[in-house]
Amino acid sequence: MKTTNYKLFLFCILNAFFFLNTNTLSAQWQYQSSSLWNSIYRYGNVGIGGYPYYKFDVKGTIRCYNLNTTSDKRYKKNINNITSALNNINELQGVTYEFDMSKQKNGESFPKGKNIGLIAQDVNKVLPELVLKDDKGIYSVNYIGIIPILIEATKELNEKLVDKEKQLSLFEERIKKLEQRILSVNQHDNIENNDGYRLEQNIPNPAKNNTLIKYKTPLGEKNISVKIFSTNGRQVWQKEVKPSLSGEVIIPTNNLKEGVYIYSLTVGDKIIISKKLVIN
């Protein structure tokens, strides 16, 4: 038998012996090392490259084609939905880093070059459930446990996006109505409809501190106002006026920001006539 085959055969025999007799062997025999595989067994824990602090502890890089973790609902209790996932994700900081090779011990194999990940101590402040600390004070992170939080954070972002889209749709509708209102205003200084309402162009226009608006309404009308709207449809000024065949109102514009506005003659909440106002 070749030397390599002999060592492999002996290694397998020792493995079977240690695993079958874990509960009966003394501490001296429960801690064994194989120079062939650089493996350590202690009290049912398996270590590759160093002392095993967990059931399977590898001091290096692991590669596999698939990795499944048990997640059967029948094995779980106290199940609760994850909340504030987005806030938790926002408190985490992804980093790039390199392992300090001077801290590497015999049997350990730190990955070389640049790595991407998280700092365990920082994660412990936000999500302590995902951080483990061994007997020597070394921290480790359960990166797989972050996946459910990312899923819920994505859902929260999607809900916010849907709300923003609804708000945007409302703004677009208001802007469209304002545009239609602006387009309905003709280029003449004076506008009068068939019901006897009249709204003249403000003087001066553009306005600076004050501007004058003349109007006409049927004498028996009630709840008449002159209102000013911003281009996004928000009402910024209002003044009730009396019905008149030759009425006028002075608008103080020094409290309004520079820009384009729409002023309207209204009866109650109904807009009768509108015109454009420019403030410098």
C-alpha atoms as a PDB file:
ATOM      1  CA  MET A   1       0.000   0.000   0.000  1.00  0.00           C
ATOM      2  CA  LYS A   2       1.363   3.394  -0.947  1.00  0.00           C
ATOM      3  CA  THR A   3       2.135   5.874   1.837  1.00  0.00           C
ATOM      4  CA  THR A   4      -0.615   8.317   0.776  1.00  0.00           C
ATOM      5  CA  ASN A   5      -3.282   5.606   0.704  1.00  0.00           C
ATOM      6  CA  TYR A   6      -2.105   4.331   4.048  1.00  0.00           C
ATOM      7  CA  LYS A   7      -2.420   7.801   5.632  1.00  0.00           C
ATOM      8  CA  LEU A   8      -5.862   8.263   4.140  1.00  0.00           C
ATOM      9  CA  PHE A   9      -6.998   4.867   5.436  1.00  0.00           C
ATOM     10  CA  LEU A  10      -5.661   5.642   8.914  1.00  0.00           C
ATOM     11  CA  PHE A  11      -7.324   9.066   8.849  1.00  0.00           C
ATOM     12  CA  CYS A  12     -10.739   7.532   8.061  1.00  0.00           C
ATOM     13  CA  ILE A  13     -10.388   4.968  10.857  1.00  0.00           C
ATOM     14  CA  LEU A  14      -9.479   7.689  13.358  1.00  0.00           C
ATOM     15  CA  ASN A  15     -12.427   9.802  12.199  1.00  0.00           C
ATOM     16  CA  ALA A  16     -14.883   6.973  12.773  1.00  0.00           C
ATOM     17  CA  PHE A  17     -13.348   6.273  16.167  1.00  0.00           C
ATOM     18  CA  PHE A  18     -13.563   9.874  17.378  1.00  0.00           C
ATOM     19  CA  PHE A  19     -17.080  10.535  16.116  1.00  0.00           C
ATOM     20  CA  LEU A  20     -18.504   7.310  17.539  1.00  0.00           C
ATOM     21  CA  ASN A  21     -16.894   7.809  20.932  1.00  0.00           C
ATOM     22  CA  THR A  22     -17.288  11.567  21.460  1.00  0.00           C
ATOM     23  CA  ASN A  23     -19.343  11.175  24.622  1.00  0.00           C
ATOM     24  CA  THR A  24     -17.074   8.598  26.201  1.00  0.00           C
ATOM     25  CA  LEU A  25     -13.565   9.766  25.371  1.00  0.00           C
ATOM     26  CA  SER A  26     -11.629  11.887  27.783  1.00  0.00           C
ATOM     27  CA  ALA A  27     -10.825  15.512  26.930  1.00  0.00           C
ATOM     28  CA  GLN A  28      -7.321  14.444  25.958  1.00  0.00           C
ATOM     29  CA  TRP A  29      -8.637  12.154  23.213  1.00  0.00           C
ATOM     30  CA  GLN A  30     -11.523  14.390  22.190  1.00  0.00           C
ATOM     31  CA  TYR A  31      -9.040  16.946  20.895  1.00  0.00           C
ATOM     32  CA  GLN A  32      -7.089  15.453  17.994  1.00  0.00           C
ATOM     33  CA  SER A  33      -5.342  16.839  14.934  1.00  0.00           C
ATOM     34  CA  SER A  34      -4.471  15.262  11.605  1.00  0.00           C
ATOM     35  CA  SER A  35      -1.455  16.676   9.793  1.00  0.00           C
ATOM     36  CA  LEU A  36      -2.794  15.130   6.591  1.00  0.00           C
ATOM     37  CA  TRP A  37      -5.940  17.300   6.478  1.00  0.00           C
ATOM     38  CA  ASN A  38      -5.033  19.937   9.090  1.00  0.00           C
ATOM     39  CA  SER A  39      -8.365  19.154  10.791  1.00  0.00           C
ATOM     40  CA  ILE A  40      -9.313  19.396  14.454  1.00  0.00           C
ATOM     41  CA  TYR A  41     -12.161  17.637  16.279  1.00  0.00           C
ATOM     42  CA  ARG A  42     -13.254  18.709  19.753  1.00  0.00           C
ATOM     43  CA  TYR A  43     -16.466  17.797  21.570  1.00  0.00           C
ATOM     44  CA  GLY A  44     -18.353  17.256  18.320  1.00  0.00           C
ATOM     45  CA  ASN A  45     -17.002  20.426  16.641  1.00  0.00           C
ATOM     46  CA  VAL A  46     -14.990  20.231  13.423  1.00  0.00           C
ATOM     47  CA  GLY A  47     -12.305  22.753  12.585  1.00  0.00           C
ATOM     48  CA  ILE A  48     -10.378  23.170   9.343  1.00  0.00           C
ATOM     49  CA  GLY A  49      -7.190  25.135   9.733  1.00  0.00           C
ATOM     50  CA  GLY A  50      -7.566  25.839  13.429  1.00  0.00           C
ATOM     51  CA  TYR A  51      -9.454  25.415  16.691  1.00  0.00           C
ATOM     52  CA  PRO A  52     -13.233  24.816  16.173  1.00  0.00           C
ATOM     53  CA  TYR A  53     -15.449  27.255  18.077  1.00  0.00           C
ATOM     54  CA  TYR A  54     -18.560  26.124  16.173  1.00  0.00           C
ATOM     55  CA  LYS A  55     -19.903  22.837  14.766  1.00  0.00           C
ATOM     56  CA  PHE A  56     -17.997  23.510  11.549  1.00  0.00           C
ATOM     57  CA  ASP A  57     -15.288  26.183  11.707  1.00  0.00           C
ATOM     58  CA  VAL A  58     -13.147  26.873   8.640  1.00  0.00           C
ATOM     59  CA  LYS A  59     -10.167  29.221   8.852  1.00  0.00           C
ATOM     60  CA  GLY A  60     -10.226  30.073   5.164  1.00  0.00           C
ATOM     61  CA  THR A  61     -12.402  30.301   2.072  1.00  0.00           C
ATOM     62  CA  ILE A  62     -15.221  27.836   1.366  1.00  0.00           C
ATOM     63  CA  ARG A  63     -16.510  27.129  -2.142  1.00  0.00           C
ATOM     64  CA  CYS A  64     -19.587  25.075  -2.989  1.00  0.00           C
ATOM     65  CA  TYR A  65     -22.112  24.770  -5.805  1.00  0.00           C
ATOM     66  CA  ASN A  66     -25.151  25.128  -3.558  1.00  0.00           C
ATOM     67  CA  LEU A  67     -25.882  25.851   0.093  1.00  0.00           C
ATOM     68  CA  ASN A  68     -29.241  25.211   1.745  1.00  0.00           C
ATOM     69  CA  THR A  69     -30.110  26.181   5.315  1.00  0.00           C
ATOM     70  CA  THR A  70     -32.963  24.542   7.182  1.00  0.00           C
ATOM     71  CA  SER A  71     -35.954  26.908   7.212  1.00  0.00           C
ATOM     72  CA  ASP A  72     -38.915  24.623   7.872  1.00  0.00           C
ATOM     73  CA  LYS A  73     -41.788  26.445   9.584  1.00  0.00           C
ATOM     74  CA  ARG A  74     -42.399  23.393  11.769  1.00  0.00           C
ATOM     75  CA  TYR A  75     -39.045  23.988  13.456  1.00  0.00           C
ATOM     76  CA  LYS A  76     -39.791  27.618  14.281  1.00  0.00           C
ATOM     77  CA  LYS A  77     -41.806  29.545  16.855  1.00  0.00           C
ATOM     78  CA  ASN A  78     -42.355  33.193  17.826  1.00  0.00           C
ATOM     79  CA  ILE A  79     -42.507  34.099  14.126  1.00  0.00           C
ATOM     80  CA  ASN A  80     -42.899  37.864  13.569  1.00  0.00           C
ATOM     81  CA  ASN A  81     -42.768  40.063  10.483  1.00  0.00           C
ATOM     82  CA  ILE A  82     -39.695  42.236  10.043  1.00  0.00           C
ATOM     83  CA  THR A  83     -40.347  45.950  10.556  1.00  0.00           C
ATOM     84  CA  SER A  84     -38.252  49.088   9.953  1.00  0.00           C
ATOM     85  CA  ALA A  85     -36.122  47.097   7.505  1.00  0.00           C
ATOM     86  CA  LEU A  86     -35.223  50.137   5.427  1.00  0.00           C
ATOM     87  CA  ASN A  87     -34.092  52.081   8.492  1.00  0.00           C
ATOM     88  CA  ASN A  88     -31.871  49.166   9.533  1.00  0.00           C
ATOM     89  CA  ILE A  89     -30.329  48.896   6.073  1.00  0.00           C
ATOM     90  CA  ASN A  90     -29.679  52.642   6.012  1.00  0.00           C
ATOM     91  CA  GLU A  91     -27.740  52.343   9.261  1.00  0.00           C
ATOM     92  CA  LEU A  92     -25.400  49.699   7.830  1.00  0.00           C
ATOM     93  CA  GLN A  93     -22.254  50.755   6.024  1.00  0.00           C
ATOM     94  CA  GLY A  94     -20.749  48.581   3.318  1.00  0.00           C
ATOM     95  CA  VAL A  95     -16.961  48.741   3.124  1.00  0.00           C
ATOM     96  CA  THR A  96     -14.008  47.461   1.148  1.00  0.00           C
ATOM     97  CA  TYR A  97     -11.096  46.084   3.121  1.00  0.00           C
ATOM     98  CA  GLU A  98      -8.064  43.787   3.193  1.00  0.00           C
ATOM     99  CA  PHE A  99      -7.284  41.222   5.866  1.00  0.00           C
ATOM    100  CA  ASP A 100      -4.380  42.022   8.170  1.00  0.00           C
ATOM    101  CA  MET A 101      -2.005  39.152   7.413  1.00  0.00           C
ATOM    102  CA  SER A 102      -0.025  39.874  10.575  1.00  0.00           C
ATOM    103  CA  LYS A 103      -3.026  38.620  12.576  1.00  0.00           C
ATOM    104  CA  GLN A 104      -3.103  35.318  10.696  1.00  0.00           C
ATOM    105  CA  LYS A 105      -2.260  32.296  12.876  1.00  0.00           C
ATOM    106  CA  ASN A 106      -0.922  28.877  11.956  1.00  0.00           C
ATOM    107  CA  GLY A 107      -3.435  26.942   9.885  1.00  0.00           C
ATOM    108  CA  GLU A 108      -5.552  30.002   9.083  1.00  0.00           C
ATOM    109  CA  SER A 109      -5.831  31.228   5.500  1.00  0.00           C
ATOM    110  CA  PHE A 110      -6.924  34.854   5.165  1.00  0.00           C
ATOM    111  CA  PRO A 111      -8.169  35.822   1.677  1.00  0.00           C
ATOM    112  CA  LYS A 112      -5.681  38.047  -0.083  1.00  0.00           C
ATOM    113  CA  GLY A 113      -6.494  41.284  -1.872  1.00  0.00           C
ATOM    114  CA  LYS A 114      -9.525  43.566  -1.620  1.00  0.00           C
ATOM    115  CA  ASN A 115     -12.747  42.255  -0.060  1.00  0.00           C
ATOM    116  CA  ILE A 116     -16.255  43.700   0.222  1.00  0.00           C
ATOM    117  CA  GLY A 117     -18.431  43.331   3.286  1.00  0.00           C
ATOM    118  CA  LEU A 118     -19.503  44.765   6.636  1.00  0.00           C
ATOM    119  CA  ILE A 119     -17.809  45.411   9.964  1.00  0.00           C
ATOM    120  CA  ALA A 120     -19.238  42.982  12.520  1.00  0.00           C
ATOM    121  CA  GLN A 121     -19.021  45.456  15.409  1.00  0.00           C
ATOM    122  CA  ASP A 122     -21.077  47.976  13.394  1.00  0.00           C
ATOM    123  CA  VAL A 123     -23.667  45.348  12.462  1.00  0.00           C
ATOM    124  CA  ASN A 124     -23.904  44.352  16.134  1.00  0.00           C
ATOM    125  CA  LYS A 125     -25.157  47.868  16.978  1.00  0.00           C
ATOM    126  CA  VAL A 126     -28.005  47.612  14.451  1.00  0.00           C
ATOM    127  CA  LEU A 127     -28.771  43.892  14.089  1.00  0.00           C
ATOM    128  CA  PRO A 128     -27.209  42.019  17.006  1.00  0.00           C
ATOM    129  CA  GLU A 129     -29.166  38.886  16.031  1.00  0.00           C
ATOM    130  CA  LEU A 130     -26.856  38.482  13.028  1.00  0.00           C
ATOM    131  CA  VAL A 131     -23.562  38.697  14.934  1.00  0.00           C
ATOM    132  CA  LEU A 132     -21.713  35.939  16.815  1.00  0.00           C
ATOM    133  CA  LYS A 133     -18.739  36.282  19.140  1.00  0.00           C
ATOM    134  CA  ASP A 134     -16.538  33.279  19.951  1.00  0.00           C
ATOM    135  CA  ASP A 135     -14.655  32.464  23.148  1.00  0.00           C
ATOM    136  CA  LYS A 136     -11.678  34.541  22.004  1.00  0.00           C
ATOM    137  CA  GLY A 137     -13.818  37.591  21.240  1.00  0.00           C
ATOM    138  CA  ILE A 138     -13.717  37.227  17.437  1.00  0.00           C
ATOM    139  CA  TYR A 139     -16.877  38.545  15.741  1.00  0.00           C
ATOM    140  CA  SER A 140     -18.587  36.993  12.722  1.00  0.00           C
ATOM    141  CA  VAL A 141     -21.626  38.082  10.654  1.00  0.00           C
ATOM    142  CA  ASN A 142     -24.510  35.992   9.354  1.00  0.00           C
ATOM    143  CA  TYR A 143     -24.665  37.513   5.859  1.00  0.00           C
ATOM    144  CA  ILE A 144     -27.480  35.159   4.801  1.00  0.00           C
ATOM    145  CA  GLY A 145     -29.626  36.615   7.590  1.00  0.00           C
ATOM    146  CA  ILE A 146     -29.408  40.032   5.934  1.00  0.00           C
ATOM    147  CA  ILE A 147     -31.291  38.757   2.870  1.00  0.00           C
ATOM    148  CA  PRO A 148     -34.783  38.813   4.511  1.00  0.00           C
ATOM    149  CA  ILE A 149     -34.118  42.365   5.714  1.00  0.00           C
ATOM    150  CA  LEU A 150     -33.142  43.405   2.184  1.00  0.00           C
ATOM    151  CA  ILE A 151     -36.367  41.833   0.884  1.00  0.00           C
ATOM    152  CA  GLU A 152     -38.523  43.792   3.322  1.00  0.00           C
ATOM    153  CA  ALA A 153     -36.542  46.986   2.722  1.00  0.00           C
ATOM    154  CA  THR A 154     -37.211  46.589  -1.008  1.00  0.00           C
ATOM    155  CA  LYS A 155     -40.928  46.249  -0.279  1.00  0.00           C
ATOM    156  CA  GLU A 156     -40.853  49.414   1.828  1.00  0.00           C
ATOM    157  CA  LEU A 157     -39.083  51.269  -0.976  1.00  0.00           C
ATOM    158  CA  ASN A 158     -41.666  50.016  -3.456  1.00  0.00           C
ATOM    159  CA  GLU A 159     -44.516  51.271  -1.241  1.00  0.00           C
ATOM    160  CA  LYS A 160     -42.869  54.694  -1.050  1.00  0.00           C
ATOM    161  CA  LEU A 161     -42.374  54.690  -4.802  1.00  0.00           C
ATOM    162  CA  VAL A 162     -46.053  53.875  -5.377  1.00  0.00           C
ATOM    163  CA  ASP A 163     -47.066  56.729  -3.046  1.00  0.00           C
ATOM    164  CA  LYS A 164     -44.735  59.133  -4.871  1.00  0.00           C
ATOM    165  CA  GLU A 165     -46.142  58.044  -8.215  1.00  0.00           C
ATOM    166  CA  LYS A 166     -49.681  58.725  -6.956  1.00  0.00           C
ATOM    167  CA  GLN A 167     -48.637  62.186  -5.749  1.00  0.00           C
ATOM    168  CA  LEU A 168     -46.878  62.867  -9.034  1.00  0.00           C
ATOM    169  CA  SER A 169     -49.975  61.800 -10.931  1.00  0.00           C
ATOM    170  CA  LEU A 170     -52.074  64.249  -8.905  1.00  0.00           C
ATOM    171  CA  PHE A 171     -49.582  67.058  -9.551  1.00  0.00           C
ATOM    172  CA  GLU A 172     -49.516  66.274 -13.250  1.00  0.00           C
ATOM    173  CA  GLU A 173     -53.313  66.384 -13.345  1.00  0.00           C
ATOM    174  CA  ARG A 174     -53.346  69.761 -11.582  1.00  0.00           C
ATOM    175  CA  ILE A 175     -50.673  71.137 -13.897  1.00  0.00           C
ATOM    176  CA  LYS A 176     -52.605  69.889 -16.906  1.00  0.00           C
ATOM    177  CA  LYS A 177     -55.735  71.678 -15.705  1.00  0.00           C
ATOM    178  CA  LEU A 178     -53.733  74.855 -15.138  1.00  0.00           C
ATOM    179  CA  GLU A 179     -52.213  74.602 -18.596  1.00  0.00           C
ATOM    180  CA  GLN A 180     -55.679  74.202 -20.069  1.00  0.00           C
ATOM    181  CA  ARG A 181     -56.809  77.202 -18.050  1.00  0.00           C
ATOM    182  CA  ILE A 182     -53.873  79.245 -19.321  1.00  0.00           C
ATOM    183  CA  LEU A 183     -54.533  78.183 -22.908  1.00  0.00           C
ATOM    184  CA  SER A 184     -58.177  79.167 -22.518  1.00  0.00           C
ATOM    185  CA  VAL A 185     -57.135  82.732 -21.730  1.00  0.00           C
ATOM    186  CA  ASN A 186     -56.997  84.709 -24.982  1.00  0.00           C
ATOM    187  CA  GLN A 187     -54.530  87.447 -25.776  1.00  0.00           C
ATOM    188  CA  HIS A 188     -56.953  90.364 -25.323  1.00  0.00           C
ATOM    189  CA  ASP A 189     -56.629  92.600 -22.283  1.00  0.00           C
ATOM    190  CA  ASN A 190     -60.277  92.178 -21.426  1.00  0.00           C
ATOM    191  CA  ILE A 191     -62.268  88.955 -21.273  1.00  0.00           C
ATOM    192  CA  GLU A 192     -66.047  88.808 -20.951  1.00  0.00           C
ATOM    193  CA  ASN A 193     -68.198  85.703 -21.106  1.00  0.00           C
ATOM    194  CA  ASN A 194     -71.808  85.325 -22.145  1.00  0.00           C
ATOM    195  CA  ASP A 195     -73.063  85.414 -18.547  1.00  0.00           C
ATOM    196  CA  GLY A 196     -71.992  89.003 -18.016  1.00  0.00           C
ATOM    197  CA  TYR A 197     -68.685  88.399 -16.228  1.00  0.00           C
ATOM    198  CA  ARG A 198     -65.620  90.368 -17.275  1.00  0.00           C
ATOM    199  CA  LEU A 199     -61.984  90.196 -16.135  1.00  0.00           C
ATOM    200  CA  GLU A 200     -59.354  92.643 -17.352  1.00  0.00           C
ATOM    201  CA  GLN A 201     -55.596  92.250 -17.503  1.00  0.00           C
ATOM    202  CA  ASN A 202     -53.900  93.472 -14.355  1.00  0.00           C
ATOM    203  CA  ILE A 203     -52.089  96.813 -14.445  1.00  0.00           C
ATOM    204  CA  PRO A 204     -49.134  96.894 -14.365  1.00  0.00           C
ATOM    205  CA  ASN A 205     -48.114  93.510 -15.702  1.00  0.00           C
ATOM    206  CA  PRO A 206     -45.485  92.419 -14.791  1.00  0.00           C
ATOM    207  CA  ALA A 207     -46.287  93.627 -11.281  1.00  0.00           C
ATOM    208  CA  LYS A 208     -43.818  94.566  -8.578  1.00  0.00           C
ATOM    209  CA  ASN A 209     -45.460  95.795  -5.349  1.00  0.00           C
ATOM    210  CA  ASN A 210     -49.130  96.205  -6.229  1.00  0.00           C
ATOM    211  CA  THR A 211     -51.314  95.588  -9.232  1.00  0.00           C
ATOM    212  CA  LEU A 212     -54.849  96.632 -10.183  1.00  0.00           C
ATOM    213  CA  ILE A 213     -57.480  94.282 -11.574  1.00  0.00           C
ATOM    214  CA  LYS A 214     -60.813  95.464 -12.991  1.00  0.00           C
ATOM    215  CA  TYR A 215     -63.800  93.154 -13.215  1.00  0.00           C
ATOM    216  CA  LYS A 216     -67.513  93.042 -13.994  1.00  0.00           C
ATOM    217  CA  THR A 217     -70.209  90.773 -12.555  1.00  0.00           C
ATOM    218  CA  PRO A 218     -74.000  90.562 -12.585  1.00  0.00           C
ATOM    219  CA  LEU A 219     -75.334  92.793  -9.808  1.00  0.00           C
ATOM    220  CA  GLY A 220     -77.292  90.020  -8.086  1.00  0.00           C
ATOM    221  CA  GLU A 221     -74.357  87.596  -7.793  1.00  0.00           C
ATOM    222  CA  LYS A 222     -73.026  86.459  -4.387  1.00  0.00           C
ATOM    223  CA  ASN A 223     -69.821  84.853  -3.011  1.00  0.00           C
ATOM    224  CA  ILE A 224     -67.593  86.551  -5.588  1.00  0.00           C
ATOM    225  CA  SER A 225     -63.810  86.448  -5.081  1.00  0.00           C
ATOM    226  CA  VAL A 226     -60.593  87.170  -6.901  1.00  0.00           C
ATOM    227  CA  LYS A 227     -58.082  84.381  -6.270  1.00  0.00           C
ATOM    228  CA  ILE A 228     -54.448  83.915  -7.212  1.00  0.00           C
ATOM    229  CA  PHE A 229     -52.955  80.448  -7.849  1.00  0.00           C
ATOM    230  CA  SER A 230     -49.381  79.289  -8.285  1.00  0.00           C
ATOM    231  CA  THR A 231     -48.552  77.275 -11.400  1.00  0.00           C
ATOM    232  CA  ASN A 232     -48.881  74.031  -9.437  1.00  0.00           C
ATOM    233  CA  GLY A 233     -52.471  74.876  -8.537  1.00  0.00           C
ATOM    234  CA  ARG A 234     -51.964  76.047  -4.954  1.00  0.00           C
ATOM    235  CA  GLN A 235     -54.050  79.052  -3.926  1.00  0.00           C
ATOM    236  CA  VAL A 236     -51.773  81.804  -2.583  1.00  0.00           C
ATOM    237  CA  TRP A 237     -54.145  84.784  -2.245  1.00  0.00           C
ATOM    238  CA  GLN A 238     -57.878  85.545  -2.101  1.00  0.00           C
ATOM    239  CA  LYS A 239     -60.107  88.565  -1.651  1.00  0.00           C
ATOM    240  CA  GLU A 240     -63.890  88.702  -1.618  1.00  0.00           C
ATOM    241  CA  VAL A 241     -65.341  91.451  -3.837  1.00  0.00           C
ATOM    242  CA  LYS A 242     -68.767  92.996  -4.291  1.00  0.00           C
ATOM    243  CA  PRO A 243     -70.800  92.433  -7.430  1.00  0.00           C
ATOM    244  CA  SER A 244     -70.275  95.389  -9.739  1.00  0.00           C
ATOM    245  CA  LEU A 245     -70.568  96.438 -13.345  1.00  0.00           C
ATOM    246  CA  SER A 246     -67.222  98.229 -13.016  1.00  0.00           C
ATOM    247  CA  GLY A 247     -65.439  96.845  -9.980  1.00  0.00           C
ATOM    248  CA  GLU A 248     -61.729  96.849  -9.248  1.00  0.00           C
ATOM    249  CA  VAL A 249     -59.412  95.317  -6.680  1.00  0.00           C
ATOM    250  CA  ILE A 250     -55.797  96.090  -5.749  1.00  0.00           C
ATOM    251  CA  ILE A 251     -53.579  93.074  -5.158  1.00  0.00           C
ATOM    252  CA  PRO A 252     -50.471  93.466  -2.949  1.00  0.00           C
ATOM    253  CA  THR A 253     -47.839  91.387  -4.743  1.00  0.00           C
ATOM    254  CA  ASN A 254     -44.804  92.241  -2.604  1.00  0.00           C
ATOM    255  CA  ASN A 255     -45.502  89.163  -0.435  1.00  0.00           C
ATOM    256  CA  LEU A 256     -45.455  86.826  -3.450  1.00  0.00           C
ATOM    257  CA  LYS A 257     -42.304  85.358  -4.957  1.00  0.00           C
ATOM    258  CA  GLU A 258     -41.234  86.298  -8.453  1.00  0.00           C
ATOM    259  CA  GLY A 259     -42.763  84.129 -11.139  1.00  0.00           C
ATOM    260  CA  VAL A 260     -45.902  83.377 -13.120  1.00  0.00           C
ATOM    261  CA  TYR A 261     -49.306  83.091 -11.447  1.00  0.00           C
ATOM    262  CA  ILE A 262     -52.921  82.675 -12.495  1.00  0.00           C
ATOM    263  CA  TYR A 263     -55.597  85.021 -11.145  1.00  0.00           C
ATOM    264  CA  SER A 264     -59.264  84.068 -11.414  1.00  0.00           C
ATOM    265  CA  LEU A 265     -62.697  85.547 -10.898  1.00  0.00           C
ATOM    266  CA  THR A 266     -64.672  82.967  -8.932  1.00  0.00           C
ATOM    267  CA  VAL A 267     -68.188  82.443  -7.650  1.00  0.00           C
ATOM    268  CA  GLY A 268     -67.974  80.129  -4.657  1.00  0.00           C
ATOM    269  CA  ASP A 269     -65.548  77.396  -5.690  1.00  0.00           C
ATOM    270  CA  LYS A 270     -66.335  77.775  -9.394  1.00  0.00           C
ATOM    271  CA  ILE A 271     -63.744  79.539 -11.544  1.00  0.00           C
ATOM    272  CA  ILE A 272     -65.442  81.857 -14.042  1.00  0.00           C
ATOM    273  CA  ILE A 273     -62.541  83.558 -15.866  1.00  0.00           C
ATOM    274  CA  SER A 274     -58.748  83.376 -15.457  1.00  0.00           C
ATOM    275  CA  LYS A 275     -55.756  85.356 -16.647  1.00  0.00           C
ATOM    276  CA  LYS A 276     -51.990  85.233 -16.291  1.00  0.00           C
ATOM    277  CA  LEU A 277     -50.091  87.417 -13.815  1.00  0.00           C
ATOM    278  CA  VAL A 278     -46.328  87.961 -13.848  1.00  0.00           C
ATOM    279  CA  ILE A 279     -44.513  89.224 -10.740  1.00  0.00           C
ATOM    280  CA  ASN A 280     -40.996  90.655 -10.899  1.00  0.00           C
END
